[in-house]
N, C-alpha and C. Protein backbone atom coordinates (compact mmCIF):
# COMPACT_ATOMS: atom_id res chain seq x y z
N UNK A 1 -12.92 -10.45 18.81
CA UNK A 1 -13.48 -8.86 18.11
C UNK A 1 -13.36 -7.93 19.18
N UNK A 2 -14.06 -8.26 20.73
CA UNK A 2 -14.21 -7.78 21.81
C UNK A 2 -12.57 -7.41 22.52
N UNK A 3 -11.34 -8.59 22.03
CA UNK A 3 -10.24 -9.00 22.49
C UNK A 3 -9.35 -7.37 21.75
N UNK A 4 -9.61 -7.88 20.46
CA UNK A 4 -9.13 -6.58 19.60
C UNK A 4 -9.06 -5.01 19.80
N UNK A 5 -10.77 -4.72 19.66
CA UNK A 5 -11.01 -3.55 20.59
C UNK A 5 -10.05 -2.75 21.76
N UNK A 6 -10.19 -3.72 22.87
CA UNK A 6 -9.74 -3.25 23.84
C UNK A 6 -8.24 -3.24 23.62
N UNK A 7 -8.04 -3.83 22.77
CA UNK A 7 -6.54 -3.78 22.55
C UNK A 7 -6.05 -2.76 21.89
N UNK A 8 -6.61 -2.37 20.68
CA UNK A 8 -6.53 -1.34 19.61
C UNK A 8 -6.99 -0.29 20.63
N UNK A 9 -7.99 -0.07 21.56
CA UNK A 9 -8.60 1.19 22.01
C UNK A 9 -7.56 1.80 23.03
N UNK A 10 -6.69 0.44 23.57
CA UNK A 10 -5.62 1.11 24.56
C UNK A 10 -4.34 1.92 23.76
N UNK A 11 -4.17 2.07 22.68
CA UNK A 11 -3.36 2.79 21.86
C UNK A 11 -3.40 4.43 21.89
N UNK A 12 -2.85 4.93 22.32
CA UNK A 12 -3.17 6.35 21.70
C UNK A 12 -2.66 7.16 20.96
N UNK A 13 -1.75 6.32 20.18
CA UNK A 13 -1.30 6.83 18.41
C UNK A 13 -1.42 5.74 17.71
N UNK A 14 -1.62 6.10 16.51
CA UNK A 14 -1.87 5.67 15.50
C UNK A 14 -0.01 4.48 15.15
N UNK A 15 0.94 5.07 15.56
CA UNK A 15 2.45 4.40 15.59
C UNK A 15 1.67 3.49 17.02
N UNK A 16 1.45 3.41 17.91
CA UNK A 16 1.55 2.18 18.72
C UNK A 16 0.43 1.60 17.67
N UNK A 17 -0.50 1.92 18.11
CA UNK A 17 -1.42 0.96 17.07
C UNK A 17 -1.27 0.21 16.05
N UNK A 18 -0.15 0.62 15.42
CA UNK A 18 0.46 0.24 14.21
C UNK A 18 1.38 -1.07 14.79
N UNK A 19 2.16 -0.67 15.65
CA UNK A 19 3.30 -1.76 16.66
C UNK A 19 3.27 -3.00 17.42
N UNK A 20 1.87 -1.94 17.90
CA UNK A 20 1.09 -3.09 18.92
C UNK A 20 0.04 -4.31 18.13
N UNK A 21 -0.89 -3.60 17.47
CA UNK A 21 -1.72 -4.46 17.00
C UNK A 21 -1.60 -4.60 15.43
N UNK A 22 -1.83 -3.88 14.41
CA UNK A 22 -2.01 -4.53 13.19
C UNK A 22 -0.45 -4.62 12.68
N UNK A 23 0.65 -4.41 13.11
CA UNK A 23 1.94 -5.29 12.57
C UNK A 23 1.68 -6.80 12.89
N UNK A 24 1.60 -6.86 14.41
CA UNK A 24 1.50 -7.74 14.79
C UNK A 24 -0.06 -9.27 14.51
N UNK A 25 -1.02 -8.56 14.06
CA UNK A 25 -1.96 -9.13 13.07
C UNK A 25 -1.24 -9.56 11.74
N UNK A 26 -0.77 -8.26 10.98
CA UNK A 26 -0.44 -8.87 9.77
C UNK A 26 0.41 -9.84 9.49
N UNK A 27 1.14 -9.71 10.56
CA UNK A 27 2.59 -10.95 9.86
C UNK A 27 2.01 -12.27 10.66
N UNK A 28 1.25 -12.10 11.63
CA UNK A 28 0.12 -13.55 11.91
C UNK A 28 -0.11 -14.36 10.82
N UNK A 29 -1.05 -12.98 10.00
CA UNK A 29 -1.84 -13.49 9.12
C UNK A 29 -0.86 -14.46 7.44
N UNK A 30 0.29 -13.25 7.59
CA UNK A 30 1.28 -13.51 6.94
C UNK A 30 1.32 -15.19 6.58
N UNK A 31 1.87 -15.39 8.37
CA UNK A 31 2.62 -16.52 8.38
C UNK A 31 1.46 -17.75 7.83
N UNK A 32 0.30 -17.78 8.76
CA UNK A 32 -0.80 -18.63 8.91
C UNK A 32 -1.18 -18.82 7.31
N UNK A 33 -1.73 -17.55 6.47
CA UNK A 33 -2.13 -17.80 5.52
C UNK A 33 -1.22 -18.40 3.81
N UNK A 34 0.23 -17.72 4.03
CA UNK A 34 1.18 -18.17 3.48
C UNK A 34 1.79 -19.65 3.83
N UNK A 35 1.22 -20.48 4.74
CA UNK A 35 1.72 -21.69 5.25
C UNK A 35 0.77 -22.74 4.55
N UNK A 36 -0.28 -22.35 4.34
CA UNK A 36 -1.53 -22.60 4.00
C UNK A 36 -1.99 -22.62 2.01
N UNK A 37 -1.19 -21.50 1.56
CA UNK A 37 -1.38 -20.93 0.28
C UNK A 37 -2.47 -20.03 -0.36
N UNK A 38 -2.92 -19.38 1.05
CA UNK A 38 -3.92 -18.41 0.47
C UNK A 38 -3.55 -17.36 0.23
N UNK A 39 -4.95 -16.77 -1.03
CA UNK A 39 -4.67 -15.81 -1.68
C UNK A 39 -6.22 -14.97 -1.30
N UNK A 40 -6.02 -13.88 -0.40
CA UNK A 40 -7.46 -13.94 -0.07
C UNK A 40 -7.09 -12.05 -0.25
N UNK A 41 -8.58 -11.94 -0.09
CA UNK A 41 -8.74 -10.05 -0.38
C UNK A 41 -10.47 -9.90 1.03
N UNK A 42 -10.06 -9.75 2.21
CA UNK A 42 -10.46 -9.71 3.10
C UNK A 42 -11.15 -8.00 3.41
N UNK A 43 -12.82 -7.76 3.24
CA UNK A 43 -13.50 -6.63 3.19
C UNK A 43 -13.91 -6.21 4.33
N UNK A 44 -14.47 -5.37 5.09
CA UNK A 44 -15.55 -5.00 6.07
C UNK A 44 -15.93 -3.85 5.25
N UNK A 45 -17.04 -3.21 6.47
CA UNK A 45 -18.07 -2.18 5.84
C UNK A 45 -17.26 -0.83 5.25
N UNK A 46 -15.65 -0.54 5.82
CA UNK A 46 -14.95 0.35 5.32
C UNK A 46 -13.45 -0.01 5.48
N UNK A 47 -13.23 -1.26 4.87
CA UNK A 47 -11.69 -1.37 5.05
C UNK A 47 -11.77 -2.64 4.07
N UNK A 48 -10.55 -2.69 3.70
CA UNK A 48 -10.30 -4.01 2.88
C UNK A 48 -8.39 -4.14 3.22
N UNK A 49 -8.36 -5.83 3.50
CA UNK A 49 -6.95 -6.24 3.66
C UNK A 49 -6.77 -7.63 2.70
N UNK A 50 -5.63 -7.14 1.47
CA UNK A 50 -4.96 -8.38 1.15
C UNK A 50 -4.32 -8.83 1.29
N UNK A 51 -4.24 -10.26 0.94
CA UNK A 51 -2.73 -11.17 1.01
C UNK A 51 -2.70 -11.61 -0.05
N UNK A 52 -1.08 -11.95 -0.71
CA UNK A 52 -1.27 -12.36 -1.93
C UNK A 52 -0.45 -13.63 -1.96
N UNK A 53 0.12 -13.02 -0.75
CA UNK A 53 1.44 -14.17 -0.95
C UNK A 53 2.70 -14.15 -1.62
N UNK A 54 2.43 -12.58 -2.14
CA UNK A 54 3.88 -12.63 -3.18
C UNK A 54 4.57 -11.31 -3.25
N UNK A 55 5.45 -10.91 -2.61
CA UNK A 55 5.78 -9.48 -2.51
C UNK A 55 5.98 -8.51 -3.94
N UNK A 56 6.13 -9.05 -5.10
CA UNK A 56 5.93 -8.73 -5.92
C UNK A 56 4.29 -7.77 -6.41
N UNK A 57 3.76 -8.90 -5.96
CA UNK A 57 1.86 -8.72 -5.98
C UNK A 57 1.49 -7.51 -5.10
N UNK A 58 1.89 -7.70 -3.51
CA UNK A 58 2.07 -6.62 -2.35
C UNK A 58 2.62 -5.61 -2.83
N UNK A 59 3.80 -5.01 -3.72
CA UNK A 59 4.05 -3.93 -3.62
C UNK A 59 2.95 -3.23 -4.73
N UNK A 60 2.52 -3.47 -5.98
CA UNK A 60 1.69 -3.72 -7.07
C UNK A 60 0.10 -3.35 -6.34
N UNK A 61 0.02 -3.72 -5.13
CA UNK A 61 -1.72 -3.50 -4.64
C UNK A 61 -1.52 -2.57 -3.88
N UNK A 62 -0.07 -2.10 -2.80
CA UNK A 62 0.09 -1.10 -2.11
C UNK A 62 -0.32 0.23 -3.43
N UNK A 63 0.84 0.15 -4.32
CA UNK A 63 0.99 1.32 -5.50
C UNK A 63 -0.57 1.23 -5.70
N UNK A 64 -1.73 0.36 -6.38
CA UNK A 64 -2.94 1.01 -6.84
C UNK A 64 -3.47 1.41 -5.36
N UNK A 65 -3.56 0.90 -4.29
CA UNK A 65 -4.51 1.99 -3.09
C UNK A 65 -3.94 3.18 -3.44
N UNK A 66 -2.62 3.06 -3.09
CA UNK A 66 -2.25 4.59 -2.80
C UNK A 66 -2.94 5.67 -3.62
N UNK A 67 -2.89 5.19 -5.23
CA UNK A 67 -3.10 6.03 -6.33
C UNK A 67 -4.77 6.32 -5.99
N UNK A 68 -5.28 5.38 -5.91
CA UNK A 68 -6.84 5.06 -5.52
C UNK A 68 -7.48 6.71 -4.44
N UNK A 69 -6.45 6.35 -3.44
CA UNK A 69 -6.63 7.09 -2.31
C UNK A 69 -6.33 8.49 -2.76
N UNK A 70 -5.10 8.72 -3.06
CA UNK A 70 -4.65 10.26 -3.83
C UNK A 70 -5.88 10.71 -5.01
N UNK A 71 -6.51 10.08 -5.85
CA UNK A 71 -7.49 10.27 -6.35
C UNK A 71 -8.67 10.67 -5.28
N UNK A 72 -8.66 9.98 -4.77
CA UNK A 72 -10.06 10.17 -3.91
C UNK A 72 -9.88 11.98 -2.94
N UNK A 73 -8.75 12.11 -2.27
CA UNK A 73 -8.58 12.59 -1.67
C UNK A 73 -7.99 14.39 -2.72
N UNK A 74 -7.77 13.89 -4.15
CA UNK A 74 -7.99 15.24 -5.19
C UNK A 74 -9.37 15.65 -5.80
N UNK A 75 -10.00 14.96 -5.47
CA UNK A 75 -11.69 15.21 -5.29
C UNK A 75 -12.21 15.90 -4.54
N UNK A 76 -11.32 16.12 -3.18
CA UNK A 76 -12.54 16.60 -2.12
C UNK A 76 -11.76 18.26 -2.37
């Protein structure tokens, strides 16, 4: 965790954070979980990471999350 925080803290833009930390993490998660046949929803206090192992599910889950976030923004 400390290493990830250090690496994330060193990224001064969202794009850099995405390119240097988040995408490598997501690709590693896909590789390991896919090889083991895992399907998972990892959630924290204020976040979720979903690995379905299926590209069609990935798009559907993305659309559900985007619709939810848009709905929450409309309530503000």
